[in-house]
Amino acid sequence: MPLDRLVLLVVLALGAALAVVWVSAVAIAALQIPYGWLAAIPAIFAGYVVWRVVADRLNSAEDSYYDNIEK
């Protein structure tokens, strides 16, 4: 992977994390929810993304490495 693409992905990931935290803080301040929930909202989003990636990897027949190994 080229270095510029890697840097772009890191910057986008950090920007997305910052946006999630900022939107969560604004929503919590507007709804007057305790700030302990501020940590739960990004954790829920991260858990959802991890769950989707794992589910896609387990159900994808076209991307299976072990199907192409000679036996």
N, C-alpha and C. Protein backbone atom coordinates (compact mmCIF):
# COMPACT_ATOMS: atom_id res chain seq x y z
N MET A 1 0.84 -1.16 0.00
CA MET A 1 0.00 0.00 0.00
C MET A 1 0.90 1.23 0.00
N PRO A 2 0.65 2.15 -0.92
CA PRO A 2 1.46 3.37 -0.96
C PRO A 2 1.29 4.19 0.32
N LEU A 3 2.34 4.94 0.66
CA LEU A 3 2.34 5.72 1.88
C LEU A 3 1.26 6.80 1.86
N ASP A 4 1.01 7.42 0.72
CA ASP A 4 0.00 8.47 0.68
C ASP A 4 -1.40 7.91 0.94
N ARG A 5 -1.67 6.72 0.48
CA ARG A 5 -2.98 6.10 0.74
C ARG A 5 -3.12 5.74 2.22
N LEU A 6 -2.04 5.24 2.82
CA LEU A 6 -2.06 4.90 4.24
C LEU A 6 -2.29 6.15 5.09
N VAL A 7 -1.61 7.23 4.76
CA VAL A 7 -1.80 8.49 5.50
C VAL A 7 -3.22 8.99 5.33
N LEU A 8 -3.76 8.90 4.12
CA LEU A 8 -5.13 9.32 3.89
C LEU A 8 -6.11 8.52 4.73
N LEU A 9 -5.92 7.20 4.81
CA LEU A 9 -6.81 6.36 5.62
C LEU A 9 -6.71 6.71 7.10
N VAL A 10 -5.50 6.96 7.59
CA VAL A 10 -5.32 7.32 9.00
C VAL A 10 -5.99 8.66 9.29
N VAL A 11 -5.81 9.63 8.41
CA VAL A 11 -6.43 10.95 8.61
C VAL A 11 -7.94 10.85 8.56
N LEU A 12 -8.47 10.08 7.63
CA LEU A 12 -9.93 9.91 7.57
C LEU A 12 -10.48 9.19 8.80
N ALA A 13 -9.77 8.19 9.29
CA ALA A 13 -10.22 7.47 10.48
C ALA A 13 -10.21 8.38 11.70
N LEU A 14 -9.15 9.16 11.86
CA LEU A 14 -9.09 10.09 12.99
C LEU A 14 -10.16 11.17 12.87
N GLY A 15 -10.38 11.66 11.67
CA GLY A 15 -11.42 12.67 11.46
C GLY A 15 -12.81 12.12 11.76
N ALA A 16 -13.05 10.88 11.36
CA ALA A 16 -14.34 10.26 11.64
C ALA A 16 -14.52 10.05 13.13
N ALA A 17 -13.48 9.63 13.82
CA ALA A 17 -13.56 9.44 15.27
C ALA A 17 -13.83 10.77 15.97
N LEU A 18 -13.15 11.81 15.54
CA LEU A 18 -13.38 13.14 16.11
C LEU A 18 -14.80 13.61 15.85
N ALA A 19 -15.32 13.36 14.66
CA ALA A 19 -16.69 13.76 14.33
C ALA A 19 -17.70 13.00 15.19
N VAL A 20 -17.48 11.72 15.42
CA VAL A 20 -18.39 10.93 16.25
C VAL A 20 -18.39 11.45 17.68
N VAL A 21 -17.21 11.74 18.21
CA VAL A 21 -17.13 12.25 19.58
C VAL A 21 -17.79 13.62 19.67
N TRP A 22 -17.57 14.48 18.69
CA TRP A 22 -18.15 15.82 18.71
C TRP A 22 -19.68 15.76 18.60
N VAL A 23 -20.19 14.97 17.68
CA VAL A 23 -21.65 14.84 17.52
C VAL A 23 -22.25 14.22 18.78
N SER A 24 -21.58 13.27 19.36
CA SER A 24 -22.06 12.65 20.60
C SER A 24 -22.10 13.67 21.74
N ALA A 25 -21.06 14.49 21.85
CA ALA A 25 -21.02 15.51 22.90
C ALA A 25 -22.14 16.52 22.72
N VAL A 26 -22.39 16.92 21.49
CA VAL A 26 -23.47 17.87 21.23
C VAL A 26 -24.82 17.25 21.56
N ALA A 27 -25.02 16.00 21.17
CA ALA A 27 -26.29 15.32 21.45
C ALA A 27 -26.49 15.13 22.94
N ILE A 28 -25.44 14.76 23.65
CA ILE A 28 -25.55 14.56 25.09
C ILE A 28 -25.82 15.88 25.80
N ALA A 29 -25.16 16.95 25.36
CA ALA A 29 -25.40 18.26 25.98
C ALA A 29 -26.82 18.72 25.70
N ALA A 30 -27.32 18.47 24.51
CA ALA A 30 -28.67 18.90 24.16
C ALA A 30 -29.73 18.10 24.92
N LEU A 31 -29.46 16.83 25.15
CA LEU A 31 -30.43 15.97 25.81
C LEU A 31 -30.18 15.85 27.31
N GLN A 32 -29.10 16.45 27.81
CA GLN A 32 -28.71 16.43 29.22
C GLN A 32 -28.58 15.00 29.75
N ILE A 33 -27.86 14.18 28.99
CA ILE A 33 -27.56 12.81 29.39
C ILE A 33 -26.23 12.84 30.15
N PRO A 34 -26.04 12.00 31.16
CA PRO A 34 -24.75 11.98 31.87
C PRO A 34 -23.58 11.70 30.91
N TYR A 35 -22.43 12.33 31.21
CA TYR A 35 -21.28 12.23 30.31
C TYR A 35 -20.65 10.84 30.26
N GLY A 36 -21.02 9.95 31.13
CA GLY A 36 -20.53 8.58 31.07
C GLY A 36 -20.96 7.89 29.78
N TRP A 37 -22.09 8.28 29.25
CA TRP A 37 -22.58 7.71 28.00
C TRP A 37 -21.77 8.19 26.80
N LEU A 38 -20.99 9.26 26.98
CA LEU A 38 -20.17 9.78 25.88
C LEU A 38 -19.18 8.72 25.40
N ALA A 39 -18.67 7.90 26.30
CA ALA A 39 -17.74 6.84 25.91
C ALA A 39 -18.47 5.65 25.30
N ALA A 40 -19.73 5.47 25.64
CA ALA A 40 -20.47 4.31 25.13
C ALA A 40 -20.86 4.49 23.67
N ILE A 41 -21.14 5.70 23.25
CA ILE A 41 -21.61 5.91 21.88
C ILE A 41 -20.54 5.54 20.85
N PRO A 42 -19.30 6.05 20.94
CA PRO A 42 -18.27 5.60 19.99
C PRO A 42 -17.97 4.10 20.11
N ALA A 43 -18.05 3.56 21.32
CA ALA A 43 -17.81 2.13 21.49
C ALA A 43 -18.88 1.30 20.77
N ILE A 44 -20.11 1.76 20.81
CA ILE A 44 -21.19 1.06 20.10
C ILE A 44 -20.95 1.13 18.59
N PHE A 45 -20.57 2.31 18.09
CA PHE A 45 -20.28 2.44 16.66
C PHE A 45 -19.12 1.54 16.25
N ALA A 46 -18.06 1.50 17.05
CA ALA A 46 -16.90 0.67 16.73
C ALA A 46 -17.28 -0.82 16.77
N GLY A 47 -18.07 -1.20 17.75
CA GLY A 47 -18.53 -2.58 17.83
C GLY A 47 -19.36 -2.98 16.63
N TYR A 48 -20.20 -2.07 16.17
CA TYR A 48 -21.03 -2.35 14.99
C TYR A 48 -20.15 -2.55 13.75
N VAL A 49 -19.15 -1.70 13.58
CA VAL A 49 -18.26 -1.82 12.42
C VAL A 49 -17.49 -3.14 12.48
N VAL A 50 -16.97 -3.50 13.65
CA VAL A 50 -16.25 -4.76 13.81
C VAL A 50 -17.18 -5.93 13.52
N TRP A 51 -18.40 -5.88 14.04
CA TRP A 51 -19.36 -6.95 13.80
C TRP A 51 -19.66 -7.10 12.30
N ARG A 52 -19.83 -5.99 11.58
CA ARG A 52 -20.10 -6.05 10.14
C ARG A 52 -18.92 -6.62 9.37
N VAL A 53 -17.70 -6.24 9.74
CA VAL A 53 -16.51 -6.75 9.05
C VAL A 53 -16.37 -8.26 9.28
N VAL A 54 -16.55 -8.70 10.50
CA VAL A 54 -16.43 -10.13 10.80
C VAL A 54 -17.53 -10.91 10.08
N ALA A 55 -18.75 -10.40 10.11
CA ALA A 55 -19.85 -11.08 9.43
C ALA A 55 -19.61 -11.17 7.93
N ASP A 56 -19.06 -10.11 7.33
CA ASP A 56 -18.78 -10.12 5.90
C ASP A 56 -17.66 -11.11 5.58
N ARG A 57 -16.64 -11.16 6.42
CA ARG A 57 -15.54 -12.09 6.18
C ARG A 57 -16.00 -13.54 6.31
N LEU A 58 -16.89 -13.81 7.25
CA LEU A 58 -17.35 -15.19 7.44
C LEU A 58 -18.30 -15.64 6.34
N ASN A 59 -19.06 -14.72 5.77
CA ASN A 59 -20.08 -15.09 4.78
C ASN A 59 -19.64 -14.90 3.34
N SER A 60 -18.47 -14.35 3.09
CA SER A 60 -18.01 -14.07 1.73
C SER A 60 -17.33 -15.30 1.14
N ALA A 61 -17.95 -15.90 0.15
CA ALA A 61 -17.38 -17.09 -0.48
C ALA A 61 -16.30 -16.73 -1.48
N GLU A 62 -16.36 -15.57 -2.07
CA GLU A 62 -15.41 -15.20 -3.12
C GLU A 62 -14.05 -14.76 -2.56
N ASP A 63 -13.97 -14.47 -1.28
CA ASP A 63 -12.74 -13.94 -0.71
C ASP A 63 -12.09 -14.93 0.27
N SER A 64 -12.35 -16.21 0.09
CA SER A 64 -11.82 -17.20 1.01
C SER A 64 -10.42 -17.65 0.57
N TYR A 65 -9.44 -17.39 1.41
CA TYR A 65 -8.06 -17.78 1.12
C TYR A 65 -7.90 -19.29 1.13
N TYR A 66 -8.57 -19.96 2.03
CA TYR A 66 -8.36 -21.38 2.22
C TYR A 66 -9.00 -22.23 1.11
N ASP A 67 -9.90 -21.67 0.32
CA ASP A 67 -10.45 -22.40 -0.79
C ASP A 67 -9.47 -22.55 -1.95
N ASN A 68 -8.46 -21.67 -2.00
CA ASN A 68 -7.49 -21.70 -3.11
C ASN A 68 -6.23 -22.49 -2.80
N ILE A 69 -6.14 -23.09 -1.64
CA ILE A 69 -4.95 -23.86 -1.26
C ILE A 69 -5.07 -25.28 -1.84
N GLU A 70 -3.94 -25.74 -2.40
CA GLU A 70 -3.94 -27.11 -2.91
C GLU A 70 -3.95 -28.08 -1.75
N LYS A 71 -4.70 -29.14 -1.90
CA LYS A 71 -4.83 -30.13 -0.81
C LYS A 71 -4.12 -31.41 -1.16
